[in-house]
Amino acid sequence: GSIFRVNDMGWYRQAPGKQRDLVATITDG
């Protein structure tokens, strides 16, 4: 889309009955 700049990106996961938890992140660096 009309994206100027992307900073952090990552993955989260959520199992039934549980909260959404961080899996991994990666910065722009």
PDB file of all heavy atoms in Angstrom:
ATOM      1  N   GLY A   1       0.817  -1.195   0.000  1.00  0.00           N
ATOM      2  CA  GLY A   1       0.000   0.000   0.000  1.00  0.00           C
ATOM      3  C   GLY A   1       0.853   1.247   0.000  1.00  0.00           C
ATOM      4  O   GLY A   1       2.007   1.228  -0.415  1.00  0.00           O
ATOM      5  N   SER A   2       0.268   2.334   0.475  1.00  0.00           N
ATOM      6  CA  SER A   2       0.965   3.623   0.500  1.00  0.00           C
ATOM      7  C   SER A   2       1.856   3.714   1.733  1.00  0.00           C
ATOM      8  O   SER A   2       1.595   4.475   2.670  1.00  0.00           O
ATOM      9  CB  SER A   2      -0.046   4.768   0.459  1.00  0.00           C
ATOM     10  OG  SER A   2      -0.847   4.714  -0.706  1.00  0.00           O
ATOM     11  N   ILE A   3       2.912   2.942   1.712  1.00  0.00           N
ATOM     12  CA  ILE A   3       3.817   2.836   2.850  1.00  0.00           C
ATOM     13  C   ILE A   3       5.035   3.717   2.625  1.00  0.00           C
ATOM     14  O   ILE A   3       5.708   3.602   1.602  1.00  0.00           O
ATOM     15  CB  ILE A   3       4.250   1.384   3.078  1.00  0.00           C
ATOM     16  CG1 ILE A   3       3.035   0.511   3.384  1.00  0.00           C
ATOM     17  CG2 ILE A   3       5.265   1.312   4.222  1.00  0.00           C
ATOM     18  CD1 ILE A   3       3.345  -0.962   3.434  1.00  0.00           C
ATOM     19  N   PHE A   4       5.315   4.564   3.594  1.00  0.00           N
ATOM     20  CA  PHE A   4       6.488   5.412   3.534  1.00  0.00           C
ATOM     21  C   PHE A   4       7.708   4.725   4.140  1.00  0.00           C
ATOM     22  O   PHE A   4       8.795   4.742   3.569  1.00  0.00           O
ATOM     23  CB  PHE A   4       6.227   6.744   4.237  1.00  0.00           C
ATOM     24  CG  PHE A   4       7.422   7.650   4.294  1.00  0.00           C
ATOM     25  CD1 PHE A   4       7.864   8.307   3.159  1.00  0.00           C
ATOM     26  CD2 PHE A   4       8.116   7.840   5.475  1.00  0.00           C
ATOM     27  CE1 PHE A   4       8.965   9.148   3.192  1.00  0.00           C
ATOM     28  CE2 PHE A   4       9.219   8.674   5.530  1.00  0.00           C
ATOM     29  CZ  PHE A   4       9.643   9.332   4.380  1.00  0.00           C
ATOM     30  N   ARG A   5       7.503   4.122   5.297  1.00  0.00           N
ATOM     31  CA  ARG A   5       8.611   3.476   5.980  1.00  0.00           C
ATOM     32  C   ARG A   5       8.079   2.427   6.939  1.00  0.00           C
ATOM     33  O   ARG A   5       7.105   2.659   7.639  1.00  0.00           O
ATOM     34  CB  ARG A   5       9.451   4.503   6.745  1.00  0.00           C
ATOM     35  CG  ARG A   5      10.617   3.904   7.515  1.00  0.00           C
ATOM     36  CD  ARG A   5      11.309   4.950   8.354  1.00  0.00           C
ATOM     37  NE  ARG A   5      12.358   4.378   9.177  1.00  0.00           N
ATOM     38  CZ  ARG A   5      13.050   5.037  10.094  1.00  0.00           C
ATOM     39  NH1 ARG A   5      12.798   6.317  10.307  1.00  0.00           N
ATOM     40  NH2 ARG A   5      13.984   4.422  10.794  1.00  0.00           N
ATOM     41  N   VAL A   6       8.739   1.284   6.948  1.00  0.00           N
ATOM     42  CA  VAL A   6       8.407   0.210   7.869  1.00  0.00           C
ATOM     43  C   VAL A   6       9.471   0.154   8.961  1.00  0.00           C
ATOM     44  O   VAL A   6      10.663   0.117   8.670  1.00  0.00           O
ATOM     45  CB  VAL A   6       8.311  -1.143   7.153  1.00  0.00           C
ATOM     46  CG1 VAL A   6       8.044  -2.255   8.160  1.00  0.00           C
ATOM     47  CG2 VAL A   6       7.221  -1.106   6.097  1.00  0.00           C
ATOM     48  N   ASN A   7       9.034   0.159  10.190  1.00  0.00           N
ATOM     49  CA  ASN A   7       9.948   0.065  11.317  1.00  0.00           C
ATOM     50  C   ASN A   7      10.024  -1.387  11.781  1.00  0.00           C
ATOM     51  O   ASN A   7      10.473  -2.252  11.040  1.00  0.00           O
ATOM     52  CB  ASN A   7       9.494   1.004  12.438  1.00  0.00           C
ATOM     53  CG  ASN A   7      10.583   1.251  13.463  1.00  0.00           C
ATOM     54  OD1 ASN A   7      10.800   0.447  14.367  1.00  0.00           O
ATOM     55  ND2 ASN A   7      11.282   2.374  13.332  1.00  0.00           N
ATOM     56  N   ASP A   8       9.574  -1.650  12.991  1.00  0.00           N
ATOM     57  CA  ASP A   8       9.634  -3.007  13.509  1.00  0.00           C
ATOM     58  C   ASP A   8       8.633  -3.911  12.803  1.00  0.00           C
ATOM     59  O   ASP A   8       7.558  -3.488  12.407  1.00  0.00           O
ATOM     60  CB  ASP A   8       9.354  -3.026  15.006  1.00  0.00           C
ATOM     61  CG  ASP A   8      10.419  -2.317  15.816  1.00  0.00           C
ATOM     62  OD1 ASP A   8      11.464  -1.960  15.253  1.00  0.00           O
ATOM     63  OD2 ASP A   8      10.198  -2.125  17.027  1.00  0.00           O
ATOM     64  N   MET A   9       8.993  -5.170  12.694  1.00  0.00           N
ATOM     65  CA  MET A   9       8.097  -6.195  12.203  1.00  0.00           C
ATOM     66  C   MET A   9       8.237  -7.405  13.118  1.00  0.00           C
ATOM     67  O   MET A   9       9.256  -7.573  13.788  1.00  0.00           O
ATOM     68  CB  MET A   9       8.406  -6.590  10.760  1.00  0.00           C
ATOM     69  CG  MET A   9       8.428  -5.430   9.778  1.00  0.00           C
ATOM     70  SD  MET A   9       8.659  -5.945   8.060  1.00  0.00           S
ATOM     71  CE  MET A   9       6.984  -6.494   7.659  1.00  0.00           C
ATOM     72  N   GLY A  10       7.222  -8.232  13.144  1.00  0.00           N
ATOM     73  CA  GLY A  10       7.322  -9.384  14.008  1.00  0.00           C
ATOM     74  C   GLY A  10       6.178 -10.350  13.859  1.00  0.00           C
ATOM     75  O   GLY A  10       5.279 -10.172  13.032  1.00  0.00           O
ATOM     76  N   TRP A  11       6.249 -11.366  14.672  1.00  0.00           N
ATOM     77  CA  TRP A  11       5.239 -12.403  14.699  1.00  0.00           C
ATOM     78  C   TRP A  11       4.756 -12.625  16.119  1.00  0.00           C
ATOM     79  O   TRP A  11       5.559 -12.681  17.059  1.00  0.00           O
ATOM     80  CB  TRP A  11       5.782 -13.726  14.144  1.00  0.00           C
ATOM     81  CG  TRP A  11       6.116 -13.669  12.689  1.00  0.00           C
ATOM     82  CD1 TRP A  11       7.310 -13.352  12.117  1.00  0.00           C
ATOM     83  CD2 TRP A  11       5.213 -13.946  11.615  1.00  0.00           C
ATOM     84  NE1 TRP A  11       7.215 -13.412  10.752  1.00  0.00           N
ATOM     85  CE2 TRP A  11       5.948 -13.773  10.417  1.00  0.00           C
ATOM     86  CE3 TRP A  11       3.874 -14.322  11.549  1.00  0.00           C
ATOM     87  CZ2 TRP A  11       5.360 -13.967   9.163  1.00  0.00           C
ATOM     88  CZ3 TRP A  11       3.304 -14.503  10.303  1.00  0.00           C
ATOM     89  CH2 TRP A  11       4.043 -14.335   9.133  1.00  0.00           C
ATOM     90  N   TYR A  12       3.453 -12.744  16.264  1.00  0.00           N
ATOM     91  CA  TYR A  12       2.808 -13.086  17.514  1.00  0.00           C
ATOM     92  C   TYR A  12       1.930 -14.304  17.279  1.00  0.00           C
ATOM     93  O   TYR A  12       1.565 -14.608  16.143  1.00  0.00           O
ATOM     94  CB  TYR A  12       1.964 -11.921  18.036  1.00  0.00           C
ATOM     95  CG  TYR A  12       2.773 -10.721  18.481  1.00  0.00           C
ATOM     96  CD1 TYR A  12       3.439  -9.920  17.555  1.00  0.00           C
ATOM     97  CD2 TYR A  12       2.863 -10.385  19.829  1.00  0.00           C
ATOM     98  CE1 TYR A  12       4.178  -8.824  17.960  1.00  0.00           C
ATOM     99  CE2 TYR A  12       3.596  -9.287  20.249  1.00  0.00           C
ATOM    100  CZ  TYR A  12       4.247  -8.512  19.298  1.00  0.00           C
ATOM    101  OH  TYR A  12       4.972  -7.415  19.716  1.00  0.00           O
ATOM    102  N   ARG A  13       1.586 -14.989  18.347  1.00  0.00           N
ATOM    103  CA  ARG A  13       0.714 -16.144  18.201  1.00  0.00           C
ATOM    104  C   ARG A  13      -0.268 -16.214  19.349  1.00  0.00           C
ATOM    105  O   ARG A  13      -0.013 -15.736  20.450  1.00  0.00           O
ATOM    106  CB  ARG A  13       1.525 -17.446  18.105  1.00  0.00           C
ATOM    107  CG  ARG A  13       2.280 -17.823  19.374  1.00  0.00           C
ATOM    108  CD  ARG A  13       3.158 -19.035  19.120  1.00  0.00           C
ATOM    109  NE  ARG A  13       3.877 -19.465  20.305  1.00  0.00           N
ATOM    110  CZ  ARG A  13       4.793 -20.429  20.318  1.00  0.00           C
ATOM    111  NH1 ARG A  13       5.104 -21.063  19.189  1.00  0.00           N
ATOM    112  NH2 ARG A  13       5.400 -20.759  21.454  1.00  0.00           N
ATOM    113  N   GLN A  14      -1.402 -16.833  19.070  1.00  0.00           N
ATOM    114  CA  GLN A  14      -2.448 -16.965  20.060  1.00  0.00           C
ATOM    115  C   GLN A  14      -3.117 -18.327  19.921  1.00  0.00           C
ATOM    116  O   GLN A  14      -3.641 -18.665  18.864  1.00  0.00           O
ATOM    117  CB  GLN A  14      -3.491 -15.856  19.914  1.00  0.00           C
ATOM    118  CG  GLN A  14      -4.546 -15.844  20.999  1.00  0.00           C
ATOM    119  CD  GLN A  14      -5.416 -14.609  20.939  1.00  0.00           C
ATOM    120  OE1 GLN A  14      -5.498 -13.950  19.898  1.00  0.00           O
ATOM    121  NE2 GLN A  14      -6.058 -14.282  22.043  1.00  0.00           N
ATOM    122  N   ALA A  15      -3.068 -19.084  20.989  1.00  0.00           N
ATOM    123  CA  ALA A  15      -3.753 -20.369  21.058  1.00  0.00           C
ATOM    124  C   ALA A  15      -5.102 -20.170  21.739  1.00  0.00           C
ATOM    125  O   ALA A  15      -5.291 -19.216  22.503  1.00  0.00           O
ATOM    126  CB  ALA A  15      -2.909 -21.380  21.816  1.00  0.00           C
ATOM    127  N   PRO A  16      -6.061 -21.050  21.493  1.00  0.00           N
ATOM    128  CA  PRO A  16      -7.372 -20.920  22.130  1.00  0.00           C
ATOM    129  C   PRO A  16      -7.261 -20.852  23.643  1.00  0.00           C
ATOM    130  O   PRO A  16      -6.563 -21.654  24.265  1.00  0.00           O
ATOM    131  CB  PRO A  16      -8.110 -22.183  21.685  1.00  0.00           C
ATOM    132  CG  PRO A  16      -7.467 -22.545  20.388  1.00  0.00           C
ATOM    133  CD  PRO A  16      -6.017 -22.183  20.557  1.00  0.00           C
ATOM    134  N   GLY A  17      -7.933 -19.873  24.235  1.00  0.00           N
ATOM    135  CA  GLY A  17      -7.916 -19.712  25.671  1.00  0.00           C
ATOM    136  C   GLY A  17      -6.694 -19.024  26.228  1.00  0.00           C
ATOM    137  O   GLY A  17      -6.564 -18.907  27.455  1.00  0.00           O
ATOM    138  N   LYS A  18      -5.795 -18.583  25.371  1.00  0.00           N
ATOM    139  CA  LYS A  18      -4.583 -17.924  25.822  1.00  0.00           C
ATOM    140  C   LYS A  18      -4.461 -16.542  25.199  1.00  0.00           C
ATOM    141  O   LYS A  18      -5.111 -16.218  24.204  1.00  0.00           O
ATOM    142  CB  LYS A  18      -3.352 -18.769  25.479  1.00  0.00           C
ATOM    143  CG  LYS A  18      -3.303 -20.125  26.166  1.00  0.00           C
ATOM    144  CD  LYS A  18      -2.012 -20.859  25.855  1.00  0.00           C
ATOM    145  CE  LYS A  18      -1.946 -22.189  26.578  1.00  0.00           C
ATOM    146  NZ  LYS A  18      -0.681 -22.906  26.280  1.00  0.00           N
ATOM    147  N   GLN A  19      -3.614 -15.729  25.785  1.00  0.00           N
ATOM    148  CA  GLN A  19      -3.376 -14.394  25.264  1.00  0.00           C
ATOM    149  C   GLN A  19      -2.465 -14.446  24.048  1.00  0.00           C
ATOM    150  O   GLN A  19      -1.791 -15.449  23.794  1.00  0.00           O
ATOM    151  CB  GLN A  19      -2.761 -13.506  26.343  1.00  0.00           C
ATOM    152  CG  GLN A  19      -1.358 -13.911  26.754  1.00  0.00           C
ATOM    153  CD  GLN A  19      -0.758 -12.986  27.797  1.00  0.00           C
ATOM    154  OE1 GLN A  19      -1.455 -12.174  28.401  1.00  0.00           O
ATOM    155  NE2 GLN A  19       0.534 -13.098  28.013  1.00  0.00           N
ATOM    156  N   ARG A  20      -2.457 -13.347  23.316  1.00  0.00           N
ATOM    157  CA  ARG A  20      -1.562 -13.235  22.184  1.00  0.00           C
ATOM    158  C   ARG A  20      -0.152 -12.915  22.682  1.00  0.00           C
ATOM    159  O   ARG A  20       0.068 -11.903  23.344  1.00  0.00           O
ATOM    160  CB  ARG A  20      -2.052 -12.152  21.225  1.00  0.00           C
ATOM    161  CG  ARG A  20      -1.236 -12.043  19.952  1.00  0.00           C
ATOM    162  CD  ARG A  20      -1.809 -10.999  18.991  1.00  0.00           C
ATOM    163  NE  ARG A  20      -3.162 -11.328  18.565  1.00  0.00           N
ATOM    164  CZ  ARG A  20      -3.837 -10.643  17.659  1.00  0.00           C
ATOM    165  NH1 ARG A  20      -3.290  -9.593  17.069  1.00  0.00           N
ATOM    166  NH2 ARG A  20      -5.077 -11.006  17.341  1.00  0.00           N
ATOM    167  N   ASP A  21       0.787 -13.778  22.367  1.00  0.00           N
ATOM    168  CA  ASP A  21       2.147 -13.656  22.869  1.00  0.00           C
ATOM    169  C   ASP A  21       3.124 -13.360  21.740  1.00  0.00           C
ATOM    170  O   ASP A  21       2.943 -13.785  20.601  1.00  0.00           O
ATOM    171  CB  ASP A  21       2.592 -14.935  23.583  1.00  0.00           C
ATOM    172  CG  ASP A  21       1.825 -15.201  24.859  1.00  0.00           C
ATOM    173  OD1 ASP A  21       1.445 -14.225  25.536  1.00  0.00           O
ATOM    174  OD2 ASP A  21       1.604 -16.379  25.188  1.00  0.00           O
ATOM    175  N   LEU A  22       4.162 -12.662  22.096  1.00  0.00           N
ATOM    176  CA  LEU A  22       5.234 -12.384  21.154  1.00  0.00           C
ATOM    177  C   LEU A  22       6.000 -13.656  20.825  1.00  0.00           C
ATOM    178  O   LEU A  22       6.315 -14.447  21.717  1.00  0.00           O
ATOM    179  CB  LEU A  22       6.182 -11.328  21.729  1.00  0.00           C
ATOM    180  CG  LEU A  22       7.354 -10.885  20.860  1.00  0.00           C
ATOM    181  CD1 LEU A  22       7.673  -9.415  21.120  1.00  0.00           C
ATOM    182  CD2 LEU A  22       8.597 -11.725  21.151  1.00  0.00           C
ATOM    183  N   VAL A  23       6.287 -13.849  19.557  1.00  0.00           N
ATOM    184  CA  VAL A  23       7.122 -14.950  19.107  1.00  0.00           C
ATOM    185  C   VAL A  23       8.517 -14.442  18.765  1.00  0.00           C
ATOM    186  O   VAL A  23       9.519 -14.936  19.277  1.00  0.00           O
ATOM    187  CB  VAL A  23       6.515 -15.672  17.894  1.00  0.00           C
ATOM    188  CG1 VAL A  23       7.442 -16.783  17.404  1.00  0.00           C
ATOM    189  CG2 VAL A  23       5.144 -16.235  18.243  1.00  0.00           C
ATOM    190  N   ALA A  24       8.574 -13.463  17.884  1.00  0.00           N
ATOM    191  CA  ALA A  24       9.850 -12.899  17.466  1.00  0.00           C
ATOM    192  C   ALA A  24       9.613 -11.540  16.838  1.00  0.00           C
ATOM    193  O   ALA A  24       8.571 -11.300  16.228  1.00  0.00           O
ATOM    194  CB  ALA A  24      10.567 -13.820  16.477  1.00  0.00           C
ATOM    195  N   THR A  25      10.571 -10.657  16.994  1.00  0.00           N
ATOM    196  CA  THR A  25      10.521  -9.347  16.360  1.00  0.00           C
ATOM    197  C   THR A  25      11.849  -9.053  15.694  1.00  0.00           C
ATOM    198  O   THR A  25      12.880  -9.613  16.060  1.00  0.00           O
ATOM    199  CB  THR A  25      10.205  -8.222  17.358  1.00  0.00           C
ATOM    200  OG1 THR A  25      11.202  -8.194  18.381  1.00  0.00           O
ATOM    201  CG2 THR A  25       8.833  -8.421  17.990  1.00  0.00           C
ATOM    202  N   ILE A  26      11.798  -8.151  14.736  1.00  0.00           N
ATOM    203  CA  ILE A  26      13.003  -7.713  14.054  1.00  0.00           C
ATOM    204  C   ILE A  26      12.867  -6.228  13.763  1.00  0.00           C
ATOM    205  O   ILE A  26      11.846  -5.772  13.246  1.00  0.00           O
ATOM    206  CB  ILE A  26      13.257  -8.539  12.772  1.00  0.00           C
ATOM    207  CG1 ILE A  26      14.571  -8.121  12.109  1.00  0.00           C
ATOM    208  CG2 ILE A  26      12.083  -8.435  11.802  1.00  0.00           C
ATOM    209  CD1 ILE A  26      15.023  -9.099  11.025  1.00  0.00           C
ATOM    210  N   THR A  27      13.881  -5.463  14.110  1.00  0.00           N
ATOM    211  CA  THR A  27      13.845  -4.022  13.925  1.00  0.00           C
ATOM    212  C   THR A  27      14.253  -3.651  12.512  1.00  0.00           C
ATOM    213  O   THR A  27      14.665  -4.498  11.716  1.00  0.00           O
ATOM    214  CB  THR A  27      14.769  -3.321  14.924  1.00  0.00           C
ATOM    215  OG1 THR A  27      16.137  -3.633  14.607  1.00  0.00           O
ATOM    216  CG2 THR A  27      14.478  -3.766  16.352  1.00  0.00           C
ATOM    217  N   ASP A  28      14.153  -2.351  12.212  1.00  0.00           N
ATOM    218  CA  ASP A  28      14.586  -1.884  10.901  1.00  0.00           C
ATOM    219  C   ASP A  28      16.088  -2.025  10.725  1.00  0.00           C
ATOM    220  O   ASP A  28      16.575  -2.002   9.595  1.00  0.00           O
ATOM    221  CB  ASP A  28      14.147  -0.441  10.668  1.00  0.00           C
ATOM    222  CG  ASP A  28      14.661   0.517  11.732  1.00  0.00           C
ATOM    223  OD1 ASP A  28      15.205   0.062  12.753  1.00  0.00           O
ATOM    224  OD2 ASP A  28      14.505   1.741  11.542  1.00  0.00           O
ATOM    225  N   GLY A  29      16.808  -2.167  11.818  1.00  0.00           N
ATOM    226  CA  GLY A  29      18.233  -2.429  11.772  1.00  0.00           C
ATOM    227  C   GLY A  29      18.571  -3.901  11.848  1.00  0.00           C
ATOM    228  O   GLY A  29      19.741  -4.253  12.032  1.00  0.00           O
TER     229      GLY A  29
END
